[in-house]
């Protein structure tokens, strides 16, 4: 007995309707004229990459943080107007931001 049969037994009067495709909404990010700062730090002995200087809304910056973390498959957070990524990924992050139309500035070693 598969799942469909079990559901028919539980809900005999239910008739499934046509399925609608789920549409993903593409969000436009505010592209600024000033460069974003991409720097490398060690915090508690562990390497971190910090991105600062975004002039748009915090929601846009959070969306950008999620995209970067997903593309690089790394952990990170958005805190106090900065994206903190675990590991030294400055070059890759700068490439991702340039593809999106942002200017970046490399700070630190």
N, C-alpha and C. Protein backbone atom coordinates (compact mmCIF):
# COMPACT_ATOMS: atom_id res chain seq x y z
N UNK A 1 0.86 -1.18 0.00
CA UNK A 1 0.00 0.00 0.00
C UNK A 1 0.90 1.23 0.00
N UNK A 2 0.80 2.05 -1.03
CA UNK A 2 1.64 3.24 -1.11
C UNK A 2 0.96 4.43 -0.46
N UNK A 3 1.60 5.55 -0.50
CA UNK A 3 1.13 6.76 0.18
C UNK A 3 -0.20 7.25 -0.39
N UNK A 4 -0.36 7.19 -1.70
CA UNK A 4 -1.61 7.65 -2.32
C UNK A 4 -2.81 6.84 -1.83
N UNK A 5 -2.65 5.51 -1.73
CA UNK A 5 -3.73 4.66 -1.24
C UNK A 5 -4.06 4.96 0.22
N UNK A 6 -3.04 5.20 1.00
CA UNK A 6 -3.27 5.53 2.41
C UNK A 6 -4.03 6.85 2.55
N UNK A 7 -3.66 7.83 1.73
CA UNK A 7 -4.36 9.12 1.77
C UNK A 7 -5.81 8.98 1.33
N UNK A 8 -6.06 8.12 0.32
CA UNK A 8 -7.45 7.91 -0.13
C UNK A 8 -8.27 7.24 0.97
N UNK A 9 -7.65 6.36 1.74
CA UNK A 9 -8.36 5.73 2.85
C UNK A 9 -8.67 6.73 3.96
N UNK A 10 -7.75 7.64 4.21
CA UNK A 10 -7.96 8.64 5.27
C UNK A 10 -8.96 9.72 4.85
N UNK A 11 -8.90 10.13 3.58
CA UNK A 11 -9.75 11.21 3.08
C UNK A 11 -10.49 10.73 1.82
N UNK A 12 -11.56 9.96 1.98
CA UNK A 12 -12.23 9.39 0.80
C UNK A 12 -12.92 10.42 -0.09
N UNK A 13 -13.33 11.56 0.46
CA UNK A 13 -14.07 12.56 -0.32
C UNK A 13 -13.17 13.58 -1.01
N UNK A 14 -11.89 13.52 -0.75
CA UNK A 14 -10.96 14.52 -1.30
C UNK A 14 -10.66 14.22 -2.76
N UNK A 15 -10.76 15.25 -3.59
CA UNK A 15 -10.38 15.13 -5.00
C UNK A 15 -9.23 16.09 -5.26
N UNK A 16 -8.08 15.58 -5.64
CA UNK A 16 -6.93 16.46 -5.86
C UNK A 16 -7.16 17.37 -7.07
N UNK A 17 -6.76 18.64 -6.91
CA UNK A 17 -6.89 19.61 -8.00
C UNK A 17 -5.63 19.65 -8.83
N UNK A 18 -5.64 20.47 -9.87
CA UNK A 18 -4.43 20.58 -10.70
C UNK A 18 -3.29 21.23 -9.91
N UNK A 19 -2.10 20.71 -10.10
CA UNK A 19 -0.95 21.25 -9.38
C UNK A 19 -0.43 22.47 -10.10
N UNK A 20 -0.14 23.51 -9.34
CA UNK A 20 0.40 24.73 -9.91
C UNK A 20 1.91 24.74 -9.71
N UNK A 21 2.67 25.12 -10.73
CA UNK A 21 4.13 25.18 -10.56
C UNK A 21 4.51 26.30 -9.61
N UNK A 22 5.52 26.04 -8.81
CA UNK A 22 6.01 27.04 -7.86
C UNK A 22 6.97 27.97 -8.59
N UNK A 23 6.69 29.26 -8.51
CA UNK A 23 7.53 30.24 -9.19
C UNK A 23 8.45 30.91 -8.19
N UNK A 24 9.73 30.92 -8.51
CA UNK A 24 10.68 31.60 -7.64
C UNK A 24 10.73 33.07 -8.05
N UNK A 25 10.71 33.93 -7.06
CA UNK A 25 10.73 35.37 -7.32
C UNK A 25 12.18 35.83 -7.33
N UNK A 26 12.59 36.45 -8.41
CA UNK A 26 13.96 36.97 -8.53
C UNK A 26 13.99 38.34 -7.86
N UNK A 27 14.87 38.51 -6.91
CA UNK A 27 14.94 39.76 -6.15
C UNK A 27 16.07 40.62 -6.71
N UNK A 28 15.78 41.87 -7.02
CA UNK A 28 16.79 42.79 -7.53
C UNK A 28 17.53 43.42 -6.36
N UNK A 29 18.84 43.32 -6.36
CA UNK A 29 19.65 43.93 -5.32
C UNK A 29 20.05 45.34 -5.73
N UNK A 30 20.18 46.20 -4.75
CA UNK A 30 20.63 47.56 -4.99
C UNK A 30 22.14 47.53 -5.24
N UNK A 31 22.56 47.98 -6.43
CA UNK A 31 23.98 48.00 -6.77
C UNK A 31 24.48 49.42 -6.52
N UNK A 32 25.46 49.53 -5.66
CA UNK A 32 25.95 50.84 -5.24
C UNK A 32 27.18 51.25 -6.02
N UNK A 33 27.53 52.53 -5.90
CA UNK A 33 28.70 53.04 -6.60
C UNK A 33 29.98 52.85 -5.79
N UNK A 34 29.88 52.92 -4.48
CA UNK A 34 31.04 52.74 -3.61
C UNK A 34 31.39 51.25 -3.52
N UNK A 35 32.67 50.91 -3.45
CA UNK A 35 33.04 49.49 -3.37
C UNK A 35 32.73 48.89 -2.00
N UNK A 36 32.39 47.61 -2.01
CA UNK A 36 32.21 46.87 -0.77
C UNK A 36 33.57 46.39 -0.30
N UNK A 37 33.77 46.38 1.00
CA UNK A 37 35.07 45.99 1.56
C UNK A 37 35.04 44.50 1.89
N UNK A 38 36.02 43.77 1.39
CA UNK A 38 36.14 42.33 1.63
C UNK A 38 37.47 42.10 2.33
N UNK A 39 37.41 41.76 3.63
CA UNK A 39 38.65 41.61 4.38
C UNK A 39 38.75 40.26 5.07
N UNK A 40 39.98 39.92 5.41
CA UNK A 40 40.30 38.64 6.04
C UNK A 40 40.76 38.90 7.46
N UNK A 41 40.21 38.15 8.40
CA UNK A 41 40.63 38.26 9.81
C UNK A 41 40.72 36.86 10.39
N UNK A 42 41.45 36.76 11.48
CA UNK A 42 41.44 35.54 12.27
C UNK A 42 40.72 35.85 13.57
N UNK A 43 39.69 35.08 13.85
CA UNK A 43 38.95 35.26 15.10
C UNK A 43 39.04 33.96 15.88
N UNK A 44 39.60 34.07 17.07
CA UNK A 44 39.85 32.90 17.93
C UNK A 44 40.67 31.86 17.19
N UNK A 45 41.62 32.31 16.37
CA UNK A 45 42.52 31.42 15.66
C UNK A 45 41.96 30.82 14.39
N UNK A 46 40.71 31.16 14.05
CA UNK A 46 40.09 30.59 12.86
C UNK A 46 39.93 31.68 11.80
N UNK A 47 40.19 31.35 10.51
CA UNK A 47 40.08 32.35 9.46
C UNK A 47 38.62 32.70 9.15
N UNK A 48 38.36 33.99 8.97
CA UNK A 48 37.03 34.46 8.58
C UNK A 48 37.16 35.52 7.50
N UNK A 49 36.18 35.59 6.63
CA UNK A 49 36.11 36.61 5.60
C UNK A 49 34.94 37.51 5.95
N UNK A 50 35.17 38.83 5.96
CA UNK A 50 34.14 39.79 6.36
C UNK A 50 33.85 40.71 5.19
N UNK A 51 32.57 40.89 4.87
CA UNK A 51 32.14 41.78 3.80
C UNK A 51 31.34 42.90 4.43
N UNK A 52 31.77 44.14 4.18
CA UNK A 52 31.12 45.31 4.76
C UNK A 52 30.92 46.37 3.69
N UNK A 53 30.12 47.38 4.05
CA UNK A 53 30.00 48.55 3.19
C UNK A 53 28.83 48.54 2.24
N UNK A 54 27.81 47.72 2.48
CA UNK A 54 26.63 47.70 1.61
C UNK A 54 25.71 48.83 2.02
N UNK A 55 25.25 49.62 1.05
CA UNK A 55 24.43 50.79 1.33
C UNK A 55 22.93 50.54 1.19
N UNK A 56 22.53 49.39 0.68
CA UNK A 56 21.11 49.07 0.50
C UNK A 56 20.47 48.65 1.82
N UNK A 57 19.29 48.04 1.72
CA UNK A 57 18.57 47.64 2.92
C UNK A 57 19.20 46.38 3.53
N UNK A 58 18.93 46.16 4.80
CA UNK A 58 19.46 44.99 5.49
C UNK A 58 18.89 43.70 4.90
N UNK A 59 17.63 43.74 4.45
CA UNK A 59 17.03 42.55 3.85
C UNK A 59 17.77 42.13 2.58
N UNK A 60 18.16 43.11 1.75
CA UNK A 60 18.93 42.80 0.54
C UNK A 60 20.28 42.19 0.90
N UNK A 61 20.90 42.74 1.94
CA UNK A 61 22.21 42.26 2.37
C UNK A 61 22.10 40.82 2.90
N UNK A 62 20.99 40.51 3.59
CA UNK A 62 20.77 39.15 4.09
C UNK A 62 20.58 38.18 2.93
N UNK A 63 19.86 38.62 1.91
CA UNK A 63 19.66 37.77 0.72
C UNK A 63 21.00 37.51 0.05
N UNK A 64 21.83 38.55 -0.06
CA UNK A 64 23.17 38.41 -0.65
C UNK A 64 24.02 37.44 0.18
N UNK A 65 23.92 37.54 1.50
CA UNK A 65 24.68 36.65 2.39
C UNK A 65 24.26 35.20 2.16
N UNK A 66 22.97 34.97 2.03
CA UNK A 66 22.48 33.60 1.82
C UNK A 66 22.96 33.05 0.48
N UNK A 67 22.95 33.89 -0.57
CA UNK A 67 23.43 33.45 -1.88
C UNK A 67 24.92 33.08 -1.83
N UNK A 68 25.71 33.90 -1.16
CA UNK A 68 27.15 33.63 -1.07
C UNK A 68 27.39 32.33 -0.31
N UNK A 69 26.72 32.16 0.82
CA UNK A 69 26.91 30.95 1.61
C UNK A 69 26.48 29.72 0.84
N UNK A 70 25.41 29.82 0.06
CA UNK A 70 24.93 28.68 -0.71
C UNK A 70 25.90 28.34 -1.83
N UNK A 71 26.39 29.34 -2.56
CA UNK A 71 27.30 29.09 -3.68
C UNK A 71 28.62 28.50 -3.21
N UNK A 72 29.12 28.95 -2.06
CA UNK A 72 30.39 28.45 -1.56
C UNK A 72 30.25 27.23 -0.67
N UNK A 73 29.03 26.91 -0.28
CA UNK A 73 28.76 25.78 0.64
C UNK A 73 29.54 25.92 1.94
N UNK A 74 29.45 27.09 2.54
CA UNK A 74 30.14 27.35 3.80
C UNK A 74 29.15 27.94 4.80
N UNK A 75 29.58 28.00 6.04
CA UNK A 75 28.77 28.61 7.09
C UNK A 75 29.10 30.09 7.20
N UNK A 76 28.21 30.80 7.82
CA UNK A 76 28.43 32.22 8.01
C UNK A 76 27.21 32.85 8.65
N UNK A 77 27.27 34.17 8.82
CA UNK A 77 26.18 34.89 9.45
C UNK A 77 26.15 36.33 8.95
N UNK A 78 25.02 36.97 9.21
CA UNK A 78 24.87 38.40 8.95
C UNK A 78 24.71 39.06 10.31
N UNK A 79 25.67 39.93 10.66
CA UNK A 79 25.63 40.54 11.98
C UNK A 79 26.17 41.96 11.91
N UNK A 80 25.45 42.91 12.49
CA UNK A 80 25.88 44.31 12.61
C UNK A 80 26.29 44.91 11.27
N UNK A 81 25.51 44.68 10.22
CA UNK A 81 25.78 45.27 8.92
C UNK A 81 26.97 44.66 8.20
N UNK A 82 27.34 43.44 8.55
CA UNK A 82 28.47 42.77 7.89
C UNK A 82 28.13 41.30 7.70
N UNK A 83 28.65 40.73 6.61
CA UNK A 83 28.52 39.30 6.37
C UNK A 83 29.82 38.66 6.84
N UNK A 84 29.71 37.66 7.71
CA UNK A 84 30.88 36.97 8.23
C UNK A 84 30.83 35.54 7.70
N UNK A 85 31.83 35.17 6.88
CA UNK A 85 31.90 33.86 6.26
C UNK A 85 33.04 33.08 6.91
N UNK A 86 32.79 31.81 7.23
CA UNK A 86 33.82 30.97 7.83
C UNK A 86 34.83 30.54 6.76
N UNK A 87 36.09 30.88 6.98
CA UNK A 87 37.14 30.49 6.05
C UNK A 87 37.63 31.67 5.22
N UNK A 88 38.74 31.46 4.51
CA UNK A 88 39.33 32.51 3.68
C UNK A 88 38.85 32.32 2.25
N UNK A 89 37.79 33.01 1.88
CA UNK A 89 37.19 32.91 0.56
C UNK A 89 37.12 34.26 -0.14
N UNK A 90 38.07 35.14 0.15
CA UNK A 90 38.02 36.50 -0.41
C UNK A 90 37.95 36.50 -1.93
N UNK A 91 38.82 35.75 -2.59
CA UNK A 91 38.88 35.77 -4.05
C UNK A 91 37.57 35.28 -4.66
N UNK A 92 37.04 34.19 -4.15
CA UNK A 92 35.79 33.63 -4.68
C UNK A 92 34.62 34.57 -4.43
N UNK A 93 34.58 35.18 -3.25
CA UNK A 93 33.50 36.11 -2.93
C UNK A 93 33.58 37.34 -3.81
N UNK A 94 34.78 37.83 -4.04
CA UNK A 94 34.94 39.01 -4.90
C UNK A 94 34.48 38.70 -6.33
N UNK A 95 34.73 37.50 -6.82
CA UNK A 95 34.26 37.10 -8.15
C UNK A 95 32.74 37.06 -8.19
N UNK A 96 32.10 36.49 -7.16
CA UNK A 96 30.65 36.41 -7.10
C UNK A 96 30.04 37.81 -7.09
N UNK A 97 30.63 38.71 -6.30
CA UNK A 97 30.10 40.07 -6.22
C UNK A 97 30.29 40.82 -7.54
N UNK A 98 31.42 40.60 -8.22
CA UNK A 98 31.64 41.25 -9.51
C UNK A 98 30.65 40.76 -10.55
N UNK A 99 30.29 39.47 -10.52
CA UNK A 99 29.29 38.94 -11.44
C UNK A 99 27.94 39.60 -11.23
N UNK A 100 27.65 39.97 -9.98
CA UNK A 100 26.38 40.63 -9.66
C UNK A 100 26.42 42.12 -9.94
N UNK A 101 27.60 42.67 -10.30
CA UNK A 101 27.70 44.08 -10.63
C UNK A 101 28.24 44.96 -9.53
N UNK A 102 28.70 44.38 -8.43
CA UNK A 102 29.25 45.16 -7.32
C UNK A 102 30.72 45.44 -7.54
N UNK A 103 31.18 46.55 -7.00
CA UNK A 103 32.62 46.83 -6.96
C UNK A 103 33.11 46.36 -5.60
N UNK A 104 34.30 45.78 -5.58
CA UNK A 104 34.83 45.29 -4.31
C UNK A 104 36.23 45.83 -4.10
N UNK A 105 36.61 45.93 -2.84
CA UNK A 105 37.94 46.38 -2.47
C UNK A 105 38.52 45.38 -1.49
N UNK A 106 39.71 44.89 -1.79
CA UNK A 106 40.37 43.89 -0.95
C UNK A 106 41.15 44.61 0.15
N UNK A 107 40.90 44.22 1.40
CA UNK A 107 41.56 44.84 2.54
C UNK A 107 42.24 43.75 3.34
N UNK A 108 43.43 44.00 3.84
CA UNK A 108 44.15 43.03 4.66
C UNK A 108 45.05 42.15 3.82
N UNK A 109 45.98 41.48 4.46
CA UNK A 109 46.99 40.62 3.87
C UNK A 109 46.74 39.87 2.67
